[in-house]
């Protein structure tokens, strides 16, 4: 089944890069190495003209819009990554995403794994407070009726640390 609308041609590369810039640097471009805000534009990427290059005037590092992001260092255009993320939000399977984006299923698998890992890395740690209930939890309490064995194992574990 073909898609009704080919979304690849509705998504603009320039808008994708503008969105990444706006979300990544809401108060202006900063160097990811030295955190300086003294960053100068330094041309554009040869293959992706919408991708702005920068040079930090403090540490002389070179960077671009995608440096130190999950999108950096990949051959797929940014709009494909954004569409893949959008389709993941719609809960489509990797096969469906591959069909919609006209990509190999293995490429989509690698992309979705990387996107999920990036999302999980950016999530703050969850802290539970108050009364917490769990269903069907298995807790190893030791050897039933043999407290000496449990105490010995605890002592060995404490000595190993």
C-alpha atoms as a PDB file:
ATOM      1  CA  UNK A   1       0.000   0.000   0.000  1.00  0.00           C
ATOM      2  CA  UNK A   2       1.417   3.397  -0.967  1.00  0.00           C
ATOM      3  CA  UNK A   3       1.195   6.350   1.364  1.00  0.00           C
ATOM      4  CA  UNK A   4      -1.428   8.939   0.481  1.00  0.00           C
ATOM      5  CA  UNK A   5       0.944  11.877   0.890  1.00  0.00           C
ATOM      6  CA  UNK A   6       4.704  11.619   0.587  1.00  0.00           C
ATOM      7  CA  UNK A   7       5.697  13.485   3.757  1.00  0.00           C
ATOM      8  CA  UNK A   8       9.355  13.618   2.738  1.00  0.00           C
ATOM      9  CA  UNK A   9       8.575  16.370   0.252  1.00  0.00           C
ATOM     10  CA  UNK A  10       6.465  18.347   2.718  1.00  0.00           C
ATOM     11  CA  UNK A  11       9.252  18.601   5.294  1.00  0.00           C
ATOM     12  CA  UNK A  12      11.797  21.271   4.477  1.00  0.00           C
ATOM     13  CA  UNK A  13      15.495  20.759   5.367  1.00  0.00           C
ATOM     14  CA  UNK A  14      15.925  24.445   6.198  1.00  0.00           C
ATOM     15  CA  UNK A  15      13.045  24.329   8.699  1.00  0.00           C
ATOM     16  CA  UNK A  16      14.471  21.195  10.307  1.00  0.00           C
ATOM     17  CA  UNK A  17      17.845  22.862  10.855  1.00  0.00           C
ATOM     18  CA  UNK A  18      16.175  26.060  12.115  1.00  0.00           C
ATOM     19  CA  UNK A  19      14.157  23.999  14.595  1.00  0.00           C
ATOM     20  CA  UNK A  20      17.246  22.140  15.808  1.00  0.00           C
ATOM     21  CA  UNK A  21      19.079  25.463  16.286  1.00  0.00           C
ATOM     22  CA  UNK A  22      16.158  27.014  18.150  1.00  0.00           C
ATOM     23  CA  UNK A  23      15.678  24.023  20.468  1.00  0.00           C
ATOM     24  CA  UNK A  24      19.363  23.381  21.040  1.00  0.00           C
ATOM     25  CA  UNK A  25      20.506  26.963  21.577  1.00  0.00           C
ATOM     26  CA  UNK A  26      17.530  29.066  22.742  1.00  0.00           C
ATOM     27  CA  UNK A  27      19.868  31.835  23.973  1.00  0.00           C
ATOM     28  CA  UNK A  28      22.337  31.680  21.080  1.00  0.00           C
ATOM     29  CA  UNK A  29      24.967  29.254  19.827  1.00  0.00           C
ATOM     30  CA  UNK A  30      27.401  27.961  22.457  1.00  0.00           C
ATOM     31  CA  UNK A  31      30.547  25.882  22.022  1.00  0.00           C
ATOM     32  CA  UNK A  32      29.963  22.311  23.268  1.00  0.00           C
ATOM     33  CA  UNK A  33      33.615  22.032  24.323  1.00  0.00           C
ATOM     34  CA  UNK A  34      34.278  25.196  26.342  1.00  0.00           C
ATOM     35  CA  UNK A  35      30.661  26.451  26.726  1.00  0.00           C
ATOM     36  CA  UNK A  36      31.688  29.868  25.346  1.00  0.00           C
ATOM     37  CA  UNK A  37      29.128  32.037  23.608  1.00  0.00           C
ATOM     38  CA  UNK A  38      31.841  33.594  21.441  1.00  0.00           C
ATOM     39  CA  UNK A  39      31.025  31.558  18.356  1.00  0.00           C
ATOM     40  CA  UNK A  40      31.275  32.838  14.784  1.00  0.00           C
ATOM     41  CA  UNK A  41      29.574  31.479  11.686  1.00  0.00           C
ATOM     42  CA  UNK A  42      32.042  29.642   9.497  1.00  0.00           C
ATOM     43  CA  UNK A  43      30.314  28.735   6.231  1.00  0.00           C
ATOM     44  CA  UNK A  44      27.931  25.919   5.386  1.00  0.00           C
ATOM     45  CA  UNK A  45      28.212  22.179   4.866  1.00  0.00           C
ATOM     46  CA  UNK A  46      29.000  21.141   1.274  1.00  0.00           C
ATOM     47  CA  UNK A  47      26.319  18.448   1.062  1.00  0.00           C
ATOM     48  CA  UNK A  48      23.687  20.142   3.209  1.00  0.00           C
ATOM     49  CA  UNK A  49      23.704  23.905   2.576  1.00  0.00           C
ATOM     50  CA  UNK A  50      21.147  24.485   5.363  1.00  0.00           C
ATOM     51  CA  UNK A  51      23.613  23.076   7.907  1.00  0.00           C
ATOM     52  CA  UNK A  52      25.491  26.016   9.425  1.00  0.00           C
ATOM     53  CA  UNK A  53      29.137  25.625  10.440  1.00  0.00           C
ATOM     54  CA  UNK A  54      30.639  27.546  13.360  1.00  0.00           C
ATOM     55  CA  UNK A  55      34.049  28.224  14.891  1.00  0.00           C
ATOM     56  CA  UNK A  56      34.537  28.981  18.580  1.00  0.00           C
ATOM     57  CA  UNK A  57      36.730  32.068  18.929  1.00  0.00           C
ATOM     58  CA  UNK A  58      37.728  31.026  22.460  1.00  0.00           C
ATOM     59  CA  UNK A  59      38.999  27.459  21.928  1.00  0.00           C
ATOM     60  CA  UNK A  60      39.097  27.419  18.084  1.00  0.00           C
ATOM     61  CA  UNK A  61      36.864  24.316  17.967  1.00  0.00           C
ATOM     62  CA  UNK A  62      34.847  23.696  14.812  1.00  0.00           C
ATOM     63  CA  UNK A  63      31.238  22.674  15.149  1.00  0.00           C
ATOM     64  CA  UNK A  64      27.962  22.679  13.261  1.00  0.00           C
ATOM     65  CA  UNK A  65      24.258  22.464  14.000  1.00  0.00           C
ATOM     66  CA  UNK A  66      24.401  18.715  14.649  1.00  0.00           C
ATOM     67  CA  UNK A  67      27.675  18.429  16.601  1.00  0.00           C
ATOM     68  CA  UNK A  68      27.205  16.336  19.767  1.00  0.00           C
ATOM     69  CA  UNK A  69      23.621  15.378  18.889  1.00  0.00           C
ATOM     70  CA  UNK A  70      22.133  11.988  18.086  1.00  0.00           C
ATOM     71  CA  UNK A  71      21.842  13.149  14.466  1.00  0.00           C
ATOM     72  CA  UNK A  72      25.590  13.760  14.012  1.00  0.00           C
ATOM     73  CA  UNK A  73      27.741  11.579  11.765  1.00  0.00           C
ATOM     74  CA  UNK A  74      25.029   9.854   9.741  1.00  0.00           C
ATOM     75  CA  UNK A  75      24.347   9.761   6.040  1.00  0.00           C
ATOM     76  CA  UNK A  76      20.582  10.278   6.229  1.00  0.00           C
ATOM     77  CA  UNK A  77      19.366  13.878   5.884  1.00  0.00           C
ATOM     78  CA  UNK A  78      18.014  15.576   9.007  1.00  0.00           C
ATOM     79  CA  UNK A  79      14.467  15.631   7.602  1.00  0.00           C
ATOM     80  CA  UNK A  80      14.529  11.812   7.400  1.00  0.00           C
ATOM     81  CA  UNK A  81      15.553  11.635  11.077  1.00  0.00           C
ATOM     82  CA  UNK A  82      12.776  14.066  12.026  1.00  0.00           C
ATOM     83  CA  UNK A  83      10.207  12.084  10.050  1.00  0.00           C
ATOM     84  CA  UNK A  84      11.442   8.845  11.623  1.00  0.00           C
ATOM     85  CA  UNK A  85      10.987  10.420  15.054  1.00  0.00           C
ATOM     86  CA  UNK A  86       7.504  11.586  14.049  1.00  0.00           C
ATOM     87  CA  UNK A  87       6.525   8.097  12.861  1.00  0.00           C
ATOM     88  CA  UNK A  88       7.883   6.607  16.089  1.00  0.00           C
ATOM     89  CA  UNK A  89       5.529   8.981  17.928  1.00  0.00           C
ATOM     90  CA  UNK A  90       2.663   7.557  15.868  1.00  0.00           C
ATOM     91  CA  UNK A  91       3.732   4.103  17.103  1.00  0.00           C
ATOM     92  CA  UNK A  92       4.455   2.734  13.622  1.00  0.00           C
ATOM     93  CA  UNK A  93       6.567  -0.391  13.284  1.00  0.00           C
ATOM     94  CA  UNK A  94      10.042  -0.234  11.772  1.00  0.00           C
ATOM     95  CA  UNK A  95       8.688  -1.941   8.644  1.00  0.00           C
ATOM     96  CA  UNK A  96       5.994   0.713   8.261  1.00  0.00           C
ATOM     97  CA  UNK A  97       8.514   3.529   8.828  1.00  0.00           C
ATOM     98  CA  UNK A  98      10.871   1.969   6.263  1.00  0.00           C
ATOM     99  CA  UNK A  99       8.061   1.771   3.736  1.00  0.00           C
ATOM    100  CA  UNK A 100       6.970   5.381   4.370  1.00  0.00           C
ATOM    101  CA  UNK A 101      10.522   6.745   4.126  1.00  0.00           C
ATOM    102  CA  UNK A 102      11.586   4.384   1.306  1.00  0.00           C
ATOM    103  CA  UNK A 103      14.499   3.052   3.373  1.00  0.00           C
ATOM    104  CA  UNK A 104      15.978  -0.317   4.209  1.00  0.00           C
ATOM    105  CA  UNK A 105      14.428  -1.885   7.337  1.00  0.00           C
ATOM    106  CA  UNK A 106      17.911  -2.371   8.814  1.00  0.00           C
ATOM    107  CA  UNK A 107      18.656   1.347   8.452  1.00  0.00           C
ATOM    108  CA  UNK A 108      15.379   2.247  10.127  1.00  0.00           C
ATOM    109  CA  UNK A 109      16.111  -0.242  12.921  1.00  0.00           C
ATOM    110  CA  UNK A 110      19.475   1.419  13.584  1.00  0.00           C
ATOM    111  CA  UNK A 111      17.901   4.890  13.463  1.00  0.00           C
ATOM    112  CA  UNK A 112      15.087   4.046  15.868  1.00  0.00           C
ATOM    113  CA  UNK A 113      17.497   2.373  18.292  1.00  0.00           C
ATOM    114  CA  UNK A 114      19.682   5.470  18.284  1.00  0.00           C
ATOM    115  CA  UNK A 115      16.708   7.789  18.710  1.00  0.00           C
ATOM    116  CA  UNK A 116      15.355   5.740  21.630  1.00  0.00           C
ATOM    117  CA  UNK A 117      18.778   5.682  23.290  1.00  0.00           C
ATOM    118  CA  UNK A 118      19.068   9.451  22.878  1.00  0.00           C
ATOM    119  CA  UNK A 119      15.616  10.010  24.335  1.00  0.00           C
ATOM    120  CA  UNK A 120      16.381   7.800  27.333  1.00  0.00           C
ATOM    121  CA  UNK A 121      19.736   9.510  27.926  1.00  0.00           C
ATOM    122  CA  UNK A 122      18.052  12.935  27.959  1.00  0.00           C
ATOM    123  CA  UNK A 123      15.320  11.896  30.388  1.00  0.00           C
ATOM    124  CA  UNK A 124      15.787  12.938  33.990  1.00  0.00           C
ATOM    125  CA  UNK A 125      16.045  10.169  36.566  1.00  0.00           C
ATOM    126  CA  UNK A 126      12.727   9.267  38.121  1.00  0.00           C
ATOM    127  CA  UNK A 127      12.513   9.476  41.886  1.00  0.00           C
ATOM    128  CA  UNK A 128       9.773   7.630  43.713  1.00  0.00           C
ATOM    129  CA  UNK A 129       8.403   9.149  46.901  1.00  0.00           C
ATOM    130  CA  UNK A 130       5.905   8.110  49.523  1.00  0.00           C
ATOM    131  CA  UNK A 131       4.238   4.725  49.470  1.00  0.00           C
ATOM    132  CA  UNK A 132       5.159   2.685  46.393  1.00  0.00           C
ATOM    133  CA  UNK A 133       3.270  -0.469  45.540  1.00  0.00           C
ATOM    134  CA  UNK A 134       4.522  -3.203  43.224  1.00  0.00           C
ATOM    135  CA  UNK A 135       2.771  -6.280  41.916  1.00  0.00           C
ATOM    136  CA  UNK A 136       4.522  -9.611  41.469  1.00  0.00           C
ATOM    137  CA  UNK A 137       7.941  -8.639  42.755  1.00  0.00           C
ATOM    138  CA  UNK A 138      10.438 -11.366  43.588  1.00  0.00           C
ATOM    139  CA  UNK A 139      12.871 -10.472  46.351  1.00  0.00           C
ATOM    140  CA  UNK A 140      15.642 -12.880  47.242  1.00  0.00           C
ATOM    141  CA  UNK A 141      15.553 -13.025  51.012  1.00  0.00           C
ATOM    142  CA  UNK A 142      18.263 -15.596  51.460  1.00  0.00           C
ATOM    143  CA  UNK A 143      18.218 -19.202  52.519  1.00  0.00           C
ATOM    144  CA  UNK A 144      15.080 -19.928  54.422  1.00  0.00           C
ATOM    145  CA  UNK A 145      15.832 -21.119  57.926  1.00  0.00           C
ATOM    146  CA  UNK A 146      19.612 -20.616  57.541  1.00  0.00           C
ATOM    147  CA  UNK A 147      20.417 -17.109  58.822  1.00  0.00           C
ATOM    148  CA  UNK A 148      24.099 -17.999  59.294  1.00  0.00           C
ATOM    149  CA  UNK A 149      24.528 -18.624  55.537  1.00  0.00           C
ATOM    150  CA  UNK A 150      22.827 -15.311  54.727  1.00  0.00           C
ATOM    151  CA  UNK A 151      25.066 -13.473  57.207  1.00  0.00           C
ATOM    152  CA  UNK A 152      28.184 -15.108  55.734  1.00  0.00           C
ATOM    153  CA  UNK A 153      27.225 -14.071  52.180  1.00  0.00           C
ATOM    154  CA  UNK A 154      26.565 -10.497  53.342  1.00  0.00           C
ATOM    155  CA  UNK A 155      29.968 -10.381  55.047  1.00  0.00           C
ATOM    156  CA  UNK A 156      31.710 -11.611  51.867  1.00  0.00           C
ATOM    157  CA  UNK A 157      29.857  -9.066  49.739  1.00  0.00           C
ATOM    158  CA  UNK A 158      30.874  -6.285  52.148  1.00  0.00           C
ATOM    159  CA  UNK A 159      34.526  -7.424  52.091  1.00  0.00           C
ATOM    160  CA  UNK A 160      34.584  -7.491  48.281  1.00  0.00           C
ATOM    161  CA  UNK A 161      33.548  -3.843  48.092  1.00  0.00           C
END
